[in-house]
């Protein structure tokens, strides 16, 4: 893959993703990064499903968190807890998490191929919504336990904190966004559409309000 085309890598090299540069041309570089450690960033989602929707992503380009889990599990867990603390401090108690990854490093089927974990305020069981779409999930304690499998996976952490994984040869691109949008009665699930119709569906407002949760300051 040409890393120059990766929107998450662009944040490291240019200080902003193409989507945020389009939505907020006046924002200073680095504004969408609300927290970071030496090897992990927390990024405002450019097409948030809810106010407070962020991505946790390793700085190094990898196609799935499972590739870097042994090395970064502690750091990702630390960053994840920071995000949860910020959301709960804002009065958001129910939170879902999801990653669409691959057990095969050569797979390149996701919409954004840089590994990222969605963390999203959620008012319903995301596990039940995926199950109603026909997916079967196994409970797990760690992604490390799944490293010998092949194909793709969907990792979920439901609003009660329990974690699950489903595996298949291939999943639909942006499946998490599709399932979430359907659950809340929205017809806009593709992140491109959230930017294209930003004025109509309030994409900019969601991002700005999310920024206030994680990095309160003048916008």
Protein backbone atom coordinates (compact mmCIF):
# COMPACT_ATOMS: atom_id res chain seq x y z
CA UNK A 1 0.00 0.00 0.00
CA UNK A 2 1.12 3.58 -0.67
CA UNK A 3 1.28 5.04 2.81
CA UNK A 4 0.87 8.55 1.43
CA UNK A 5 -2.76 7.61 0.71
CA UNK A 6 -3.45 6.49 4.29
CA UNK A 7 -5.54 9.16 6.09
CA UNK A 8 -4.28 8.08 9.52
CA UNK A 9 -0.64 8.16 8.43
CA UNK A 10 -1.33 11.62 6.99
CA UNK A 11 -1.99 12.87 10.51
CA UNK A 12 1.57 11.95 11.45
CA UNK A 13 3.18 13.34 8.30
CA UNK A 14 0.98 16.39 7.58
CA UNK A 15 -0.61 17.09 10.94
CA UNK A 16 -4.13 16.46 9.67
CA UNK A 17 -6.22 13.95 7.75
CA UNK A 18 -7.66 14.89 4.33
CA UNK A 19 -11.22 14.67 5.71
CA UNK A 20 -10.61 17.08 8.59
CA UNK A 21 -8.69 19.42 6.28
CA UNK A 22 -11.79 19.49 4.05
CA UNK A 23 -14.26 20.06 6.89
CA UNK A 24 -12.13 22.50 8.90
CA UNK A 25 -9.60 24.20 6.59
CA UNK A 26 -8.77 26.72 9.30
CA UNK A 27 -7.91 24.21 12.00
CA UNK A 28 -4.25 24.14 13.04
CA UNK A 29 -2.27 20.98 12.42
CA UNK A 30 -2.74 18.38 15.11
CA UNK A 31 -6.16 19.59 16.25
CA UNK A 32 -7.86 16.24 15.58
CA UNK A 33 -5.39 14.37 17.79
CA UNK A 34 -6.86 14.68 21.28
CA UNK A 35 -4.36 12.43 23.09
CA UNK A 36 -1.23 10.49 22.25
CA UNK A 37 1.56 8.43 23.72
CA UNK A 38 4.85 7.50 22.10
CA UNK A 39 3.19 4.90 19.87
CA UNK A 40 -0.59 5.41 19.95
CA UNK A 41 -2.94 8.26 19.03
CA UNK A 42 -6.55 9.12 19.84
CA UNK A 43 -8.13 10.78 16.80
CA UNK A 44 -11.48 12.46 16.33
CA UNK A 45 -13.50 10.42 13.85
CA UNK A 46 -14.07 12.58 10.76
CA UNK A 47 -17.56 11.08 10.25
CA UNK A 48 -18.73 10.52 13.83
CA UNK A 49 -21.66 8.22 14.45
CA UNK A 50 -22.24 10.03 17.75
CA UNK A 51 -20.72 12.98 19.58
CA UNK A 52 -17.59 11.63 21.25
CA UNK A 53 -16.76 9.04 18.55
CA UNK A 54 -12.98 8.62 18.37
CA UNK A 55 -10.44 6.22 16.90
CA UNK A 56 -7.53 4.68 18.77
CA UNK A 57 -4.74 3.93 16.30
CA UNK A 58 -1.09 2.88 16.49
CA UNK A 59 1.27 5.41 14.94
CA UNK A 60 3.03 2.73 12.91
CA UNK A 61 1.07 1.61 9.85
CA UNK A 62 -0.39 -1.87 10.36
CA UNK A 63 -3.51 -3.48 8.91
CA UNK A 64 -4.91 -4.73 12.22
CA UNK A 65 -4.39 -4.28 15.93
CA UNK A 66 -3.63 -7.97 16.19
CA UNK A 67 -0.34 -7.30 14.34
CA UNK A 68 0.89 -5.02 17.11
CA UNK A 69 -1.05 -6.41 20.07
CA UNK A 70 1.88 -8.16 21.79
CA UNK A 71 3.96 -4.99 21.63
CA UNK A 72 1.28 -2.34 22.25
CA UNK A 73 -1.41 -4.01 24.38
CA UNK A 74 -0.41 -2.11 27.53
CA UNK A 75 -0.20 1.23 25.75
CA UNK A 76 -3.48 0.73 23.90
CA UNK A 77 -5.16 -0.23 27.18
CA UNK A 78 -3.82 2.92 28.84
CA UNK A 79 -5.06 5.13 26.01
CA UNK A 80 -8.42 3.35 25.92
CA UNK A 81 -8.90 4.01 29.64
CA UNK A 82 -8.12 7.69 29.10
CA UNK A 83 -10.86 7.84 26.46
CA UNK A 84 -13.38 6.04 28.69
CA UNK A 85 -12.60 8.39 31.58
CA UNK A 86 -13.20 11.44 29.37
CA UNK A 87 -16.51 10.05 28.10
CA UNK A 88 -17.78 9.07 31.53
CA UNK A 89 -16.76 12.47 32.90
CA UNK A 90 -19.00 13.97 30.20
CA UNK A 91 -21.92 11.86 31.46
CA UNK A 92 -21.62 9.15 28.79
CA UNK A 93 -21.90 5.77 30.50
CA UNK A 94 -22.68 3.33 27.67
CA UNK A 95 -19.80 2.91 25.23
CA UNK A 96 -19.15 0.39 22.45
CA UNK A 97 -15.88 -0.49 20.74
CA UNK A 98 -15.19 -2.17 17.41
CA UNK A 99 -12.33 -3.07 15.10
CA UNK A 100 -12.50 -4.67 11.65
CA UNK A 101 -9.13 -6.33 11.24
CA UNK A 102 -7.40 -9.21 9.56
CA UNK A 103 -5.46 -12.23 10.78
CA UNK A 104 -3.50 -12.03 7.51
CA UNK A 105 -1.10 -9.06 7.23
CA UNK A 106 -1.46 -9.05 3.42
CA UNK A 107 -5.24 -8.54 3.49
CA UNK A 108 -6.33 -5.08 2.37
CA UNK A 109 -10.12 -5.08 2.37
CA UNK A 110 -11.02 -2.46 4.97
CA UNK A 111 -12.06 1.02 3.89
CA UNK A 112 -9.22 2.55 5.92
CA UNK A 113 -6.46 -0.04 6.06
CA UNK A 114 -4.58 1.50 8.98
CA UNK A 115 -5.53 -0.38 12.15
CA UNK A 116 -7.98 1.56 14.31
CA UNK A 117 -10.39 0.87 17.14
CA UNK A 118 -13.70 2.72 17.10
CA UNK A 119 -14.84 3.95 20.52
CA UNK A 120 -18.41 5.23 20.31
CA UNK A 121 -21.09 6.31 22.77
CA UNK A 122 -23.85 3.73 22.32
CA UNK A 123 -27.36 3.45 23.77
CA UNK A 124 -27.91 -0.23 22.89
CA UNK A 125 -26.14 -3.58 22.82
CA UNK A 126 -23.98 -3.50 19.71
CA UNK A 127 -23.45 -7.25 20.07
CA UNK A 128 -27.18 -7.91 19.70
CA UNK A 129 -27.34 -5.65 16.64
CA UNK A 130 -24.53 -7.59 14.96
CA UNK A 131 -26.16 -10.88 15.92
CA UNK A 132 -29.43 -9.73 14.37
CA UNK A 133 -27.43 -9.17 11.17
CA UNK A 134 -26.51 -12.87 11.20
CA UNK A 135 -23.00 -12.79 12.70
CA UNK A 136 -21.82 -15.27 15.32
CA UNK A 137 -19.42 -14.05 18.01
CA UNK A 138 -17.22 -15.87 20.52
CA UNK A 139 -16.41 -14.29 23.89
CA UNK A 140 -12.69 -13.55 24.34
CA UNK A 141 -10.32 -12.06 26.88
CA UNK A 142 -7.59 -10.86 24.51
CA UNK A 143 -6.90 -10.55 20.79
CA UNK A 144 -3.68 -12.42 21.46
CA UNK A 145 -5.69 -15.64 21.78
CA UNK A 146 -6.81 -15.45 18.15
CA UNK A 147 -3.50 -14.95 16.35
CA UNK A 148 -3.34 -18.38 14.74
CA UNK A 149 -6.56 -17.93 12.75
CA UNK A 150 -6.86 -16.85 9.12
CA UNK A 151 -9.12 -14.38 7.33
CA UNK A 152 -10.74 -11.29 8.81
CA UNK A 153 -12.23 -10.53 12.19
CA UNK A 154 -14.66 -8.16 13.87
CA UNK A 155 -13.70 -7.34 17.45
CA UNK A 156 -16.43 -5.91 19.67
CA UNK A 157 -16.61 -4.65 23.21
CA UNK A 158 -20.25 -4.27 24.19
CA UNK A 159 -21.68 -1.62 26.50
CA UNK A 160 -21.44 -4.00 29.49
CA UNK A 161 -17.68 -4.32 28.94
CA UNK A 162 -17.72 -7.89 27.59
CA UNK A 163 -15.52 -8.57 24.54
CA UNK A 164 -16.23 -10.75 21.51
CA UNK A 165 -14.78 -11.67 18.14
CA UNK A 166 -16.26 -13.00 14.91
CA UNK A 167 -14.12 -14.36 12.07
CA UNK A 168 -14.78 -14.99 8.38
CA UNK A 169 -12.96 -15.05 5.07
CA UNK A 170 -14.23 -11.53 4.44
CA UNK A 171 -16.60 -8.97 5.97
CA UNK A 172 -18.30 -6.03 4.27
CA UNK A 173 -16.35 -2.82 4.33
CA UNK A 174 -17.59 -0.39 7.03
CA UNK A 175 -19.81 -3.09 8.52
CA UNK A 176 -19.71 -1.47 11.95
CA UNK A 177 -20.95 1.82 10.51
CA UNK A 178 -23.72 0.04 8.59
CA UNK A 179 -24.95 -1.86 11.64
CA UNK A 180 -24.77 1.17 13.93
CA UNK A 181 -26.54 3.49 11.50
CA UNK A 182 -29.32 0.97 10.92
CA UNK A 183 -29.79 0.61 14.67
CA UNK A 184 -30.38 4.34 15.14
CA UNK A 185 -32.51 4.72 12.02
CA UNK A 186 -29.95 6.63 9.97
CA UNK A 187 -29.45 6.07 6.24
CA UNK A 188 -26.02 7.72 6.29
CA UNK A 189 -23.34 5.20 7.23
CA UNK A 190 -20.53 5.66 4.68
CA UNK A 191 -17.92 8.05 6.01
CA UNK A 192 -17.61 9.72 2.60
CA UNK A 193 -21.33 10.59 2.74
CA UNK A 194 -20.97 12.02 6.24
CA UNK A 195 -18.49 14.50 4.79
CA UNK A 196 -20.39 15.10 1.54
CA UNK A 197 -23.63 15.87 3.42
CA UNK A 198 -21.88 17.49 6.38
CA UNK A 199 -24.13 20.56 6.42
CA UNK A 200 -27.33 18.50 6.34
CA UNK A 201 -26.50 15.94 9.03
CA UNK A 202 -24.38 18.12 11.29
CA UNK A 203 -21.02 16.39 10.87
CA UNK A 204 -19.03 19.49 11.79
CA UNK A 205 -21.11 20.11 14.90
CA UNK A 206 -20.63 16.53 16.09
CA UNK A 207 -16.87 16.81 15.64
CA UNK A 208 -16.66 20.17 17.43
CA UNK A 209 -18.75 18.91 20.34
CA UNK A 210 -16.59 15.80 20.50
CA UNK A 211 -13.47 17.95 20.65
CA UNK A 212 -14.95 19.79 23.64
CA UNK A 213 -15.28 16.46 25.48
CA UNK A 214 -11.68 15.42 24.95
CA UNK A 215 -9.77 18.67 24.64
CA UNK A 216 -11.77 21.58 26.05
CA UNK A 217 -10.47 24.75 24.47
CA UNK A 218 -11.41 27.50 22.05
CA UNK A 219 -12.45 26.08 18.67
